[in-house]
Amino acid sequence: MASTGIVLVLVAHNGKTLQLDVAAQTRVDAVQQALVSFTGVAVGDQILMCHGARLDPAKPLSAYKLPVRRVRLGARQQRPAHSAVGAPSPPETLISSARGARFLASTHYMQLDPAAAEDQPVFLYHKAFLRPGAKPPPPEPVPQIAVQVPQLAPVTLRHPLEAAHSPLVRALPEYERQFEQQLVEARAYWETSRQRMHWCARGRRGAGLRGRGARGAGRQGVKREGGTPPRVSWAGDL
């Protein structure tokens, strides 16, 4: 049985990360077909680079010392079901190609140890953004997360303390009601802040990956159409 491993694909134009679970004999063109489904970039528009070498579609991944050996994290090292800011990890998609290769793609968080794969990433460049005068990629849409504060249910029963002789004691039920409403509001603002922090962290990570892709393009000598060296930069990311 052929062993499988991890190929970490960094999509240079949008900062997304794809983790592919593949075998060493899997051909590069099979990976490209899978990337069409995950990124929407046609095979003819893809440039795949790894350690300064452009991947040949007709060669297996083993020709580029890929994939990185797959190692599952131990129980204490496993990522929790939720991120540090409380947002759930995105769902993973498992597909099978006609060549029998298995691909496991995660758009944000990875459940397998990515340390080794981080040192040997595959950069995916979109030719459309390397053409002279090309406009920068559109920014990823960020949802508008508004604070939703639920209201407490109306009180229909008279509180026993409202019949007390002391006005201070009679005011206690109302104070309790106000405290409960403030607690509900605080929880709503806290949850909204957690969701916004999740999107901020996601955007910062994407910007860092786009910058890494731009620097990698310069080091690896990715060419524009027409043969001139690219000036790969995206506003706000570098």
Foldseek 3Di string as FASTA:
>chain_A
DFAWAWAWEAEQQFLWIWIWIWGQQAFQLQVLVVVCVVPVAHSVQKWKDKPLDTGDRGGGNVVVVDDDGWDADDPVPFDDQADPLGHGFDDWDWDADPVGIITIIGGADDRTDCVVNVVIHMYIYGLQCQAPPRDGDDHDDDDDQDQDQDDDDDDDDDDPQCPDPDPVSNCVVVVVNVVVSVVSSVVSVSNSVSVVVVVVVVVLSSLQSNVVSQVVLVVSQDAHVVGHGGNRDDPPSD
